[in-house]
mmCIF file of all heavy atoms, coordinates in Angstrom:
data_MODEL
# 
_entry.id   MODEL 
# 
loop_
_atom_site.group_PDB 
_atom_site.id 
_atom_site.type_symbol 
_atom_site.label_atom_id 
_atom_site.label_alt_id 
_atom_site.label_comp_id 
_atom_site.label_asym_id 
_atom_site.label_entity_id 
_atom_site.label_seq_id 
_atom_site.pdbx_PDB_ins_code 
_atom_site.Cartn_x 
_atom_site.Cartn_y 
_atom_site.Cartn_z 
_atom_site.occupancy 
_atom_site.B_iso_or_equiv 
_atom_site.pdbx_formal_charge 
_atom_site.auth_seq_id 
_atom_site.auth_comp_id 
_atom_site.auth_asym_id 
_atom_site.auth_atom_id 
_atom_site.pdbx_PDB_model_num 
ATOM 1   N N   . GLN A 1 1  ? 142.741 176.091 14.591 1.00 0.00 ? 1  GLN A N   1 
ATOM 2   C CA  . GLN A 1 1  ? 141.994 175.366 13.570 1.00 0.00 ? 1  GLN A CA  1 
ATOM 3   C C   . GLN A 1 1  ? 140.983 176.237 12.929 1.00 0.00 ? 1  GLN A C   1 
ATOM 4   O O   . GLN A 1 1  ? 140.679 176.138 11.752 1.00 0.00 ? 1  GLN A O   1 
ATOM 5   C CB  . GLN A 1 1  ? 141.414 174.187 14.174 1.00 0.00 ? 1  GLN A CB  1 
ATOM 6   C CG  . GLN A 1 1  ? 142.404 173.046 14.532 1.00 0.00 ? 1  GLN A CG  1 
ATOM 7   C CD  . GLN A 1 1  ? 141.723 171.867 15.130 1.00 0.00 ? 1  GLN A CD  1 
ATOM 8   O OE1 . GLN A 1 1  ? 140.597 171.843 15.602 1.00 0.00 ? 1  GLN A OE1 1 
ATOM 9   N NE2 . GLN A 1 1  ? 142.544 170.826 15.325 1.00 0.00 ? 1  GLN A NE2 1 
ATOM 10  N N   . ILE A 1 2  ? 140.264 177.075 13.680 1.00 0.00 ? 2  ILE A N   1 
ATOM 11  C CA  . ILE A 1 2  ? 139.245 177.916 13.167 1.00 0.00 ? 2  ILE A CA  1 
ATOM 12  C C   . ILE A 1 2  ? 139.865 178.908 12.113 1.00 0.00 ? 2  ILE A C   1 
ATOM 13  O O   . ILE A 1 2  ? 139.361 179.131 11.047 1.00 0.00 ? 2  ILE A O   1 
ATOM 14  C CB  . ILE A 1 2  ? 138.521 178.765 14.294 1.00 0.00 ? 2  ILE A CB  1 
ATOM 15  C CG1 . ILE A 1 2  ? 137.730 177.819 15.195 1.00 0.00 ? 2  ILE A CG1 1 
ATOM 16  C CG2 . ILE A 1 2  ? 137.587 179.807 13.707 1.00 0.00 ? 2  ILE A CG2 1 
ATOM 17  C CD1 . ILE A 1 2  ? 137.114 178.390 16.417 1.00 0.00 ? 2  ILE A CD1 1 
ATOM 18  N N   . ALA A 1 3  ? 141.010 179.541 12.453 1.00 0.00 ? 3  ALA A N   1 
ATOM 19  C CA  . ALA A 1 3  ? 141.708 180.363 11.616 1.00 0.00 ? 3  ALA A CA  1 
ATOM 20  C C   . ALA A 1 3  ? 142.117 179.703 10.274 1.00 0.00 ? 3  ALA A C   1 
ATOM 21  O O   . ALA A 1 3  ? 141.879 180.260 9.187  1.00 0.00 ? 3  ALA A O   1 
ATOM 22  C CB  . ALA A 1 3  ? 142.975 180.960 12.225 1.00 0.00 ? 3  ALA A CB  1 
ATOM 23  N N   . ARG A 1 4  ? 142.706 178.532 10.379 1.00 0.00 ? 4  ARG A N   1 
ATOM 24  C CA  . ARG A 1 4  ? 143.016 177.705 9.169  1.00 0.00 ? 4  ARG A CA  1 
ATOM 25  C C   . ARG A 1 4  ? 141.775 177.406 8.328  1.00 0.00 ? 4  ARG A C   1 
ATOM 26  O O   . ARG A 1 4  ? 141.747 177.495 7.073  1.00 0.00 ? 4  ARG A O   1 
ATOM 27  C CB  . ARG A 1 4  ? 143.680 176.431 9.555  1.00 0.00 ? 4  ARG A CB  1 
ATOM 28  C CG  . ARG A 1 4  ? 145.244 176.571 9.761  1.00 0.00 ? 4  ARG A CG  1 
ATOM 29  C CD  . ARG A 1 4  ? 145.965 175.293 9.918  1.00 0.00 ? 4  ARG A CD  1 
ATOM 30  N NE  . ARG A 1 4  ? 145.579 174.370 10.946 1.00 0.00 ? 4  ARG A NE  1 
ATOM 31  C CZ  . ARG A 1 4  ? 145.796 174.572 12.202 1.00 0.00 ? 4  ARG A CZ  1 
ATOM 32  N NH1 . ARG A 1 4  ? 146.568 175.608 12.625 1.00 0.00 ? 4  ARG A NH1 1 
ATOM 33  N NH2 . ARG A 1 4  ? 145.322 173.829 13.195 1.00 0.00 ? 4  ARG A NH2 1 
ATOM 34  N N   . PHE A 1 5  ? 140.630 176.959 8.949  1.00 0.00 ? 5  PHE A N   1 
ATOM 35  C CA  . PHE A 1 5  ? 139.419 176.729 8.341  1.00 0.00 ? 5  PHE A CA  1 
ATOM 36  C C   . PHE A 1 5  ? 138.993 178.001 7.578  1.00 0.00 ? 5  PHE A C   1 
ATOM 37  O O   . PHE A 1 5  ? 138.601 177.857 6.336  1.00 0.00 ? 5  PHE A O   1 
ATOM 38  C CB  . PHE A 1 5  ? 138.343 176.305 9.351  1.00 0.00 ? 5  PHE A CB  1 
ATOM 39  C CG  . PHE A 1 5  ? 137.039 175.932 8.719  1.00 0.00 ? 5  PHE A CG  1 
ATOM 40  C CD1 . PHE A 1 5  ? 136.663 174.604 8.547  1.00 0.00 ? 5  PHE A CD1 1 
ATOM 41  C CD2 . PHE A 1 5  ? 136.129 176.850 8.359  1.00 0.00 ? 5  PHE A CD2 1 
ATOM 42  C CE1 . PHE A 1 5  ? 135.447 174.283 8.027  1.00 0.00 ? 5  PHE A CE1 1 
ATOM 43  C CE2 . PHE A 1 5  ? 134.832 176.590 7.870  1.00 0.00 ? 5  PHE A CE2 1 
ATOM 44  C CZ  . PHE A 1 5  ? 134.484 175.218 7.694  1.00 0.00 ? 5  PHE A CZ  1 
ATOM 45  N N   . PHE A 1 6  ? 138.948 179.126 8.228  1.00 0.00 ? 6  PHE A N   1 
ATOM 46  C CA  . PHE A 1 6  ? 138.480 180.336 7.514  1.00 0.00 ? 6  PHE A CA  1 
ATOM 47  C C   . PHE A 1 6  ? 139.367 180.702 6.437  1.00 0.00 ? 6  PHE A C   1 
ATOM 48  O O   . PHE A 1 6  ? 138.950 181.191 5.363  1.00 0.00 ? 6  PHE A O   1 
ATOM 49  C CB  . PHE A 1 6  ? 138.389 181.469 8.592  1.00 0.00 ? 6  PHE A CB  1 
ATOM 50  C CG  . PHE A 1 6  ? 137.132 181.618 9.347  1.00 0.00 ? 6  PHE A CG  1 
ATOM 51  C CD1 . PHE A 1 6  ? 136.423 180.456 9.744  1.00 0.00 ? 6  PHE A CD1 1 
ATOM 52  C CD2 . PHE A 1 6  ? 136.560 182.775 9.690  1.00 0.00 ? 6  PHE A CD2 1 
ATOM 53  C CE1 . PHE A 1 6  ? 135.290 180.553 10.455 1.00 0.00 ? 6  PHE A CE1 1 
ATOM 54  C CE2 . PHE A 1 6  ? 135.316 182.894 10.381 1.00 0.00 ? 6  PHE A CE2 1 
ATOM 55  C CZ  . PHE A 1 6  ? 134.729 181.765 10.749 1.00 0.00 ? 6  PHE A CZ  1 
ATOM 56  N N   . ASP A 1 7  ? 140.660 180.583 6.577  1.00 0.00 ? 7  ASP A N   1 
ATOM 57  C CA  . ASP A 1 7  ? 141.618 180.962 5.497  1.00 0.00 ? 7  ASP A CA  1 
ATOM 58  C C   . ASP A 1 7  ? 141.496 179.961 4.334  1.00 0.00 ? 7  ASP A C   1 
ATOM 59  O O   . ASP A 1 7  ? 141.460 180.459 3.199  1.00 0.00 ? 7  ASP A O   1 
ATOM 60  C CB  . ASP A 1 7  ? 143.070 180.812 6.008  1.00 0.00 ? 7  ASP A CB  1 
ATOM 61  C CG  . ASP A 1 7  ? 143.473 181.871 6.963  1.00 0.00 ? 7  ASP A CG  1 
ATOM 62  O OD1 . ASP A 1 7  ? 142.732 182.941 7.069  1.00 0.00 ? 7  ASP A OD1 1 
ATOM 63  O OD2 . ASP A 1 7  ? 144.505 181.697 7.708  1.00 0.00 ? 7  ASP A OD2 1 
ATOM 64  N N   . GLN A 1 8  ? 141.326 178.656 4.545  1.00 0.00 ? 8  GLN A N   1 
ATOM 65  C CA  . GLN A 1 8  ? 141.075 177.721 3.537  1.00 0.00 ? 8  GLN A CA  1 
ATOM 66  C C   . GLN A 1 8  ? 139.858 177.982 2.755  1.00 0.00 ? 8  GLN A C   1 
ATOM 67  O O   . GLN A 1 8  ? 139.782 177.759 1.518  1.00 0.00 ? 8  GLN A O   1 
ATOM 68  C CB  . GLN A 1 8  ? 141.129 176.358 4.027  1.00 0.00 ? 8  GLN A CB  1 
ATOM 69  C CG  . GLN A 1 8  ? 142.549 175.862 4.489  1.00 0.00 ? 8  GLN A CG  1 
ATOM 70  C CD  . GLN A 1 8  ? 142.545 174.531 5.157  1.00 0.00 ? 8  GLN A CD  1 
ATOM 71  O OE1 . GLN A 1 8  ? 141.512 173.938 5.465  1.00 0.00 ? 8  GLN A OE1 1 
ATOM 72  N NE2 . GLN A 1 8  ? 143.735 174.063 5.512  1.00 0.00 ? 8  GLN A NE2 1 
ATOM 73  N N   . ALA A 1 9  ? 138.813 178.403 3.456  1.00 0.00 ? 9  ALA A N   1 
ATOM 74  C CA  . ALA A 1 9  ? 137.511 178.597 2.850  1.00 0.00 ? 9  ALA A CA  1 
ATOM 75  C C   . ALA A 1 9  ? 137.336 180.005 2.246  1.00 0.00 ? 9  ALA A C   1 
ATOM 76  O O   . ALA A 1 9  ? 136.329 180.298 1.615  1.00 0.00 ? 9  ALA A O   1 
ATOM 77  C CB  . ALA A 1 9  ? 136.347 178.339 3.957  1.00 0.00 ? 9  ALA A CB  1 
ATOM 78  N N   . GLY A 1 10 ? 138.356 180.892 2.505  1.00 0.00 ? 10 GLY A N   1 
ATOM 79  C CA  . GLY A 1 10 ? 138.262 182.212 1.973  1.00 0.00 ? 10 GLY A CA  1 
ATOM 80  C C   . GLY A 1 10 ? 137.297 183.077 2.736  1.00 0.00 ? 10 GLY A C   1 
ATOM 81  O O   . GLY A 1 10 ? 136.719 184.039 2.172  1.00 0.00 ? 10 GLY A O   1 
ATOM 82  N N   . VAL A 1 11 ? 137.073 182.809 4.044  1.00 0.00 ? 11 VAL A N   1 
ATOM 83  C CA  . VAL A 1 11 ? 136.077 183.579 4.813  1.00 0.00 ? 11 VAL A CA  1 
ATOM 84  C C   . VAL A 1 11 ? 136.851 184.865 5.357  1.00 0.00 ? 11 VAL A C   1 
ATOM 85  O O   . VAL A 1 11 ? 137.873 184.694 5.966  1.00 0.00 ? 11 VAL A O   1 
ATOM 86  C CB  . VAL A 1 11 ? 135.626 182.676 6.022  1.00 0.00 ? 11 VAL A CB  1 
ATOM 87  C CG1 . VAL A 1 11 ? 134.789 183.470 6.927  1.00 0.00 ? 11 VAL A CG1 1 
ATOM 88  C CG2 . VAL A 1 11 ? 134.831 181.493 5.455  1.00 0.00 ? 11 VAL A CG2 1 
ATOM 89  N N   . THR A 1 12 ? 136.263 185.980 5.078  1.00 0.00 ? 12 THR A N   1 
ATOM 90  C CA  . THR A 1 12 ? 136.934 187.220 5.451  1.00 0.00 ? 12 THR A CA  1 
ATOM 91  C C   . THR A 1 12 ? 135.952 188.187 6.201  1.00 0.00 ? 12 THR A C   1 
ATOM 92  O O   . THR A 1 12 ? 136.370 189.144 6.842  1.00 0.00 ? 12 THR A O   1 
ATOM 93  C CB  . THR A 1 12 ? 137.403 187.988 4.186  1.00 0.00 ? 12 THR A CB  1 
ATOM 94  O OG1 . THR A 1 12 ? 136.319 188.243 3.321  1.00 0.00 ? 12 THR A OG1 1 
ATOM 95  C CG2 . THR A 1 12 ? 138.506 187.170 3.530  1.00 0.00 ? 12 THR A CG2 1 
ATOM 96  N N   . HIS A 1 13 ? 134.562 187.919 6.147  1.00 0.00 ? 13 HIS A N   1 
ATOM 97  C CA  . HIS A 1 13 ? 133.692 188.894 6.771  1.00 0.00 ? 13 HIS A CA  1 
ATOM 98  C C   . HIS A 1 13 ? 133.122 188.307 8.109  1.00 0.00 ? 13 HIS A C   1 
ATOM 99  O O   . HIS A 1 13 ? 132.375 189.156 8.721  1.00 0.00 ? 13 HIS A O   1 
ATOM 100 C CB  . HIS A 1 13 ? 132.531 189.094 5.798  1.00 0.00 ? 13 HIS A CB  1 
ATOM 101 C CG  . HIS A 1 13 ? 132.864 189.688 4.531  1.00 0.00 ? 13 HIS A CG  1 
ATOM 102 N ND1 . HIS A 1 13 ? 132.996 188.980 3.342  1.00 0.00 ? 13 HIS A ND1 1 
ATOM 103 C CD2 . HIS A 1 13 ? 133.237 190.941 4.195  1.00 0.00 ? 13 HIS A CD2 1 
ATOM 104 C CE1 . HIS A 1 13 ? 133.446 189.750 2.353  1.00 0.00 ? 13 HIS A CE1 1 
ATOM 105 N NE2 . HIS A 1 13 ? 133.558 190.975 2.856  1.00 0.00 ? 13 HIS A NE2 1 
ATOM 106 N N   . LEU A 1 14 ? 133.402 187.181 8.488  1.00 0.00 ? 14 LEU A N   1 
ATOM 107 C CA  . LEU A 1 14 ? 132.774 186.655 9.774  1.00 0.00 ? 14 LEU A CA  1 
ATOM 108 C C   . LEU A 1 14 ? 133.729 186.646 10.915 1.00 0.00 ? 14 LEU A C   1 
ATOM 109 O O   . LEU A 1 14 ? 134.939 186.396 10.705 1.00 0.00 ? 14 LEU A O   1 
ATOM 110 C CB  . LEU A 1 14 ? 132.288 185.217 9.448  1.00 0.00 ? 14 LEU A CB  1 
ATOM 111 C CG  . LEU A 1 14 ? 131.252 185.058 8.440  1.00 0.00 ? 14 LEU A CG  1 
ATOM 112 C CD1 . LEU A 1 14 ? 131.073 183.551 8.117  1.00 0.00 ? 14 LEU A CD1 1 
ATOM 113 C CD2 . LEU A 1 14 ? 129.982 185.634 8.871  1.00 0.00 ? 14 LEU A CD2 1 
ATOM 114 N N   . PRO A 1 15 ? 133.134 186.901 12.084 1.00 0.00 ? 15 PRO A N   1 
ATOM 115 C CA  . PRO A 1 15 ? 134.019 186.888 13.363 1.00 0.00 ? 15 PRO A CA  1 
ATOM 116 C C   . PRO A 1 15 ? 134.297 185.454 13.638 1.00 0.00 ? 15 PRO A C   1 
ATOM 117 O O   . PRO A 1 15 ? 133.578 184.522 13.295 1.00 0.00 ? 15 PRO A O   1 
ATOM 118 C CB  . PRO A 1 15 ? 133.112 187.562 14.381 1.00 0.00 ? 15 PRO A CB  1 
ATOM 119 C CG  . PRO A 1 15 ? 131.694 187.336 13.925 1.00 0.00 ? 15 PRO A CG  1 
ATOM 120 C CD  . PRO A 1 15 ? 131.813 187.289 12.407 1.00 0.00 ? 15 PRO A CD  1 
ATOM 121 N N   . ARG A 1 16 ? 135.334 185.265 14.439 1.00 0.00 ? 16 ARG A N   1 
ATOM 122 C CA  . ARG A 1 16 ? 135.734 183.865 14.873 1.00 0.00 ? 16 ARG A CA  1 
ATOM 123 C C   . ARG A 1 16 ? 135.312 183.587 16.277 1.00 0.00 ? 16 ARG A C   1 
ATOM 124 O O   . ARG A 1 16 ? 136.105 183.533 17.245 1.00 0.00 ? 16 ARG A O   1 
ATOM 125 C CB  . ARG A 1 16 ? 137.247 183.773 14.677 1.00 0.00 ? 16 ARG A CB  1 
ATOM 126 C CG  . ARG A 1 16 ? 137.619 183.833 13.247 1.00 0.00 ? 16 ARG A CG  1 
ATOM 127 C CD  . ARG A 1 16 ? 139.148 183.824 13.057 1.00 0.00 ? 16 ARG A CD  1 
ATOM 128 N NE  . ARG A 1 16 ? 139.393 183.843 11.696 1.00 0.00 ? 16 ARG A NE  1 
ATOM 129 C CZ  . ARG A 1 16 ? 140.602 184.013 11.151 1.00 0.00 ? 16 ARG A CZ  1 
ATOM 130 N NH1 . ARG A 1 16 ? 141.672 184.074 11.917 1.00 0.00 ? 16 ARG A NH1 1 
ATOM 131 N NH2 . ARG A 1 16 ? 140.796 184.166 9.852  1.00 0.00 ? 16 ARG A NH2 1 
ATOM 132 N N   . TYR A 1 17 ? 133.993 183.271 16.455 1.00 0.00 ? 17 TYR A N   1 
ATOM 133 C CA  . TYR A 1 17 ? 133.477 182.984 17.750 1.00 0.00 ? 17 TYR A CA  1 
ATOM 134 C C   . TYR A 1 17 ? 133.553 181.425 18.014 1.00 0.00 ? 17 TYR A C   1 
ATOM 135 O O   . TYR A 1 17 ? 133.466 180.684 17.100 1.00 0.00 ? 17 TYR A O   1 
ATOM 136 C CB  . TYR A 1 17 ? 131.983 183.366 17.892 1.00 0.00 ? 17 TYR A CB  1 
ATOM 137 C CG  . TYR A 1 17 ? 131.821 184.920 17.818 1.00 0.00 ? 17 TYR A CG  1 
ATOM 138 C CD1 . TYR A 1 17 ? 130.806 185.476 16.985 1.00 0.00 ? 17 TYR A CD1 1 
ATOM 139 C CD2 . TYR A 1 17 ? 132.523 185.761 18.664 1.00 0.00 ? 17 TYR A CD2 1 
ATOM 140 C CE1 . TYR A 1 17 ? 130.696 186.800 16.938 1.00 0.00 ? 17 TYR A CE1 1 
ATOM 141 C CE2 . TYR A 1 17 ? 132.267 187.115 18.708 1.00 0.00 ? 17 TYR A CE2 1 
ATOM 142 C CZ  . TYR A 1 17 ? 131.328 187.671 17.851 1.00 0.00 ? 17 TYR A CZ  1 
ATOM 143 O OH  . TYR A 1 17 ? 131.137 189.031 17.813 1.00 0.00 ? 17 TYR A OH  1 
ATOM 144 N N   . GLN A 1 18 ? 133.595 181.134 19.283 1.00 0.00 ? 18 GLN A N   1 
ATOM 145 C CA  . GLN A 1 18 ? 133.642 179.668 19.587 1.00 0.00 ? 18 GLN A CA  1 
ATOM 146 C C   . GLN A 1 18 ? 132.866 179.440 20.937 1.00 0.00 ? 18 GLN A C   1 
ATOM 147 O O   . GLN A 1 18 ? 132.759 180.446 21.750 1.00 0.00 ? 18 GLN A O   1 
ATOM 148 C CB  . GLN A 1 18 ? 134.945 179.036 19.662 1.00 0.00 ? 18 GLN A CB  1 
ATOM 149 C CG  . GLN A 1 18 ? 135.882 179.535 20.806 1.00 0.00 ? 18 GLN A CG  1 
ATOM 150 C CD  . GLN A 1 18 ? 137.237 178.882 20.658 1.00 0.00 ? 18 GLN A CD  1 
ATOM 151 O OE1 . GLN A 1 18 ? 138.199 179.722 20.421 1.00 0.00 ? 18 GLN A OE1 1 
ATOM 152 N NE2 . GLN A 1 18 ? 137.418 177.660 20.843 1.00 0.00 ? 18 GLN A NE2 1 
ATOM 153 N N   . ASP A 1 19 ? 132.316 178.253 21.078 1.00 0.00 ? 19 ASP A N   1 
ATOM 154 C CA  . ASP A 1 19 ? 131.686 177.856 22.315 1.00 0.00 ? 19 ASP A CA  1 
ATOM 155 C C   . ASP A 1 19 ? 132.169 176.476 22.620 1.00 0.00 ? 19 ASP A C   1 
ATOM 156 O O   . ASP A 1 19 ? 131.556 175.450 22.339 1.00 0.00 ? 19 ASP A O   1 
ATOM 157 C CB  . ASP A 1 19 ? 130.104 177.805 21.983 1.00 0.00 ? 19 ASP A CB  1 
ATOM 158 C CG  . ASP A 1 19 ? 129.350 177.333 23.168 1.00 0.00 ? 19 ASP A CG  1 
ATOM 159 O OD1 . ASP A 1 19 ? 129.782 177.343 24.345 1.00 0.00 ? 19 ASP A OD1 1 
ATOM 160 O OD2 . ASP A 1 19 ? 128.176 176.750 22.927 1.00 0.00 ? 19 ASP A OD2 1 
ATOM 161 N N   . GLU A 1 20 ? 133.312 176.369 23.210 1.00 0.00 ? 20 GLU A N   1 
ATOM 162 C CA  . GLU A 1 20 ? 133.990 175.147 23.491 1.00 0.00 ? 20 GLU A CA  1 
ATOM 163 C C   . GLU A 1 20 ? 133.217 174.275 24.407 1.00 0.00 ? 20 GLU A C   1 
ATOM 164 O O   . GLU A 1 20 ? 133.153 173.101 24.258 1.00 0.00 ? 20 GLU A O   1 
ATOM 165 C CB  . GLU A 1 20 ? 135.393 175.387 24.091 1.00 0.00 ? 20 GLU A CB  1 
ATOM 166 C CG  . GLU A 1 20 ? 136.188 174.123 24.023 1.00 0.00 ? 20 GLU A CG  1 
ATOM 167 C CD  . GLU A 1 20 ? 137.643 174.350 24.380 1.00 0.00 ? 20 GLU A CD  1 
ATOM 168 O OE1 . GLU A 1 20 ? 138.123 175.462 24.409 1.00 0.00 ? 20 GLU A OE1 1 
ATOM 169 O OE2 . GLU A 1 20 ? 138.295 173.349 24.600 1.00 0.00 ? 20 GLU A OE2 1 
ATOM 170 N N   . SER A 1 21 ? 132.569 174.893 25.405 1.00 0.00 ? 21 SER A N   1 
ATOM 171 C CA  . SER A 1 21 ? 131.742 174.196 26.349 1.00 0.00 ? 21 SER A CA  1 
ATOM 172 C C   . SER A 1 21 ? 130.384 173.697 25.774 1.00 0.00 ? 21 SER A C   1 
ATOM 173 O O   . SER A 1 21 ? 129.683 172.876 26.345 1.00 0.00 ? 21 SER A O   1 
ATOM 174 C CB  . SER A 1 21 ? 131.507 174.936 27.544 1.00 0.00 ? 21 SER A CB  1 
ATOM 175 O OG  . SER A 1 21 ? 130.651 176.083 27.226 1.00 0.00 ? 21 SER A OG  1 
ATOM 176 N N   . GLN A 1 22 ? 130.038 174.177 24.638 1.00 0.00 ? 22 GLN A N   1 
ATOM 177 C CA  . GLN A 1 22 ? 128.845 173.950 23.933 1.00 0.00 ? 22 GLN A CA  1 
ATOM 178 C C   . GLN A 1 22 ? 127.524 174.328 24.802 1.00 0.00 ? 22 GLN A C   1 
ATOM 179 O O   . GLN A 1 22 ? 126.423 173.848 24.556 1.00 0.00 ? 22 GLN A O   1 
ATOM 180 C CB  . GLN A 1 22 ? 128.603 172.390 23.581 1.00 0.00 ? 22 GLN A CB  1 
ATOM 181 C CG  . GLN A 1 22 ? 129.672 172.032 22.641 1.00 0.00 ? 22 GLN A CG  1 
ATOM 182 C CD  . GLN A 1 22 ? 129.550 170.599 22.272 1.00 0.00 ? 22 GLN A CD  1 
ATOM 183 O OE1 . GLN A 1 22 ? 129.364 169.630 23.092 1.00 0.00 ? 22 GLN A OE1 1 
ATOM 184 N NE2 . GLN A 1 22 ? 129.620 170.212 20.892 1.00 0.00 ? 22 GLN A NE2 1 
ATOM 185 N N   . ARG A 1 23 ? 127.723 175.261 25.679 1.00 0.00 ? 23 ARG A N   1 
ATOM 186 C CA  . ARG A 1 23 ? 126.608 175.752 26.545 1.00 0.00 ? 23 ARG A CA  1 
ATOM 187 C C   . ARG A 1 23 ? 125.506 176.380 25.667 1.00 0.00 ? 23 ARG A C   1 
ATOM 188 O O   . ARG A 1 23 ? 124.316 176.053 25.897 1.00 0.00 ? 23 ARG A O   1 
ATOM 189 C CB  . ARG A 1 23 ? 127.128 176.714 27.559 1.00 0.00 ? 23 ARG A CB  1 
ATOM 190 C CG  . ARG A 1 23 ? 127.890 176.096 28.756 1.00 0.00 ? 23 ARG A CG  1 
ATOM 191 C CD  . ARG A 1 23 ? 128.287 177.022 29.812 1.00 0.00 ? 23 ARG A CD  1 
ATOM 192 N NE  . ARG A 1 23 ? 127.125 177.599 30.457 1.00 0.00 ? 23 ARG A NE  1 
ATOM 193 C CZ  . ARG A 1 23 ? 127.193 178.761 31.014 1.00 0.00 ? 23 ARG A CZ  1 
ATOM 194 N NH1 . ARG A 1 23 ? 128.294 179.411 31.146 1.00 0.00 ? 23 ARG A NH1 1 
ATOM 195 N NH2 . ARG A 1 23 ? 126.005 179.255 31.588 1.00 0.00 ? 23 ARG A NH2 1 
ATOM 196 N N   . ILE A 1 24 ? 125.911 177.276 24.815 1.00 0.00 ? 24 ILE A N   1 
ATOM 197 C CA  . ILE A 1 24 ? 124.805 177.931 24.024 1.00 0.00 ? 24 ILE A CA  1 
ATOM 198 C C   . ILE A 1 24 ? 124.190 176.962 23.065 1.00 0.00 ? 24 ILE A C   1 
ATOM 199 O O   . ILE A 1 24 ? 123.012 176.991 22.843 1.00 0.00 ? 24 ILE A O   1 
ATOM 200 C CB  . ILE A 1 24 ? 125.312 179.240 23.373 1.00 0.00 ? 24 ILE A CB  1 
ATOM 201 C CG1 . ILE A 1 24 ? 124.159 179.974 22.756 1.00 0.00 ? 24 ILE A CG1 1 
ATOM 202 C CG2 . ILE A 1 24 ? 126.404 178.904 22.318 1.00 0.00 ? 24 ILE A CG2 1 
ATOM 203 C CD1 . ILE A 1 24 ? 124.478 181.445 22.367 1.00 0.00 ? 24 ILE A CD1 1 
ATOM 204 N N   . ALA A 1 25 ? 124.950 176.119 22.502 1.00 0.00 ? 25 ALA A N   1 
ATOM 205 C CA  . ALA A 1 25 ? 124.390 175.089 21.514 1.00 0.00 ? 25 ALA A CA  1 
ATOM 206 C C   . ALA A 1 25 ? 123.363 174.189 22.279 1.00 0.00 ? 25 ALA A C   1 
ATOM 207 O O   . ALA A 1 25 ? 122.331 173.983 21.824 1.00 0.00 ? 25 ALA A O   1 
ATOM 208 C CB  . ALA A 1 25 ? 125.520 174.269 20.974 1.00 0.00 ? 25 ALA A CB  1 
ATOM 209 N N   . ARG A 1 26 ? 123.803 173.613 23.418 1.00 0.00 ? 26 ARG A N   1 
ATOM 210 C CA  . ARG A 1 26 ? 122.870 172.810 24.254 1.00 0.00 ? 26 ARG A CA  1 
ATOM 211 C C   . ARG A 1 26 ? 121.645 173.675 24.666 1.00 0.00 ? 26 ARG A C   1 
ATOM 212 O O   . ARG A 1 26 ? 120.574 173.063 24.726 1.00 0.00 ? 26 ARG A O   1 
ATOM 213 C CB  . ARG A 1 26 ? 123.649 172.287 25.401 1.00 0.00 ? 26 ARG A CB  1 
ATOM 214 C CG  . ARG A 1 26 ? 124.527 171.035 25.036 1.00 0.00 ? 26 ARG A CG  1 
ATOM 215 C CD  . ARG A 1 26 ? 124.913 170.287 26.313 1.00 0.00 ? 26 ARG A CD  1 
ATOM 216 N NE  . ARG A 1 26 ? 125.467 171.064 27.377 1.00 0.00 ? 26 ARG A NE  1 
ATOM 217 C CZ  . ARG A 1 26 ? 126.701 171.398 27.581 1.00 0.00 ? 26 ARG A CZ  1 
ATOM 218 N NH1 . ARG A 1 26 ? 127.671 170.926 26.720 1.00 0.00 ? 26 ARG A NH1 1 
ATOM 219 N NH2 . ARG A 1 26 ? 127.079 172.189 28.604 1.00 0.00 ? 26 ARG A NH2 1 
# 
């Protein structure tokens, strides 16, 4: 989903990081 989102938005310079557990966000 992240890859599709980046492709649809034309994002080419950003890494595809994720925090599924939301530990860093919390």
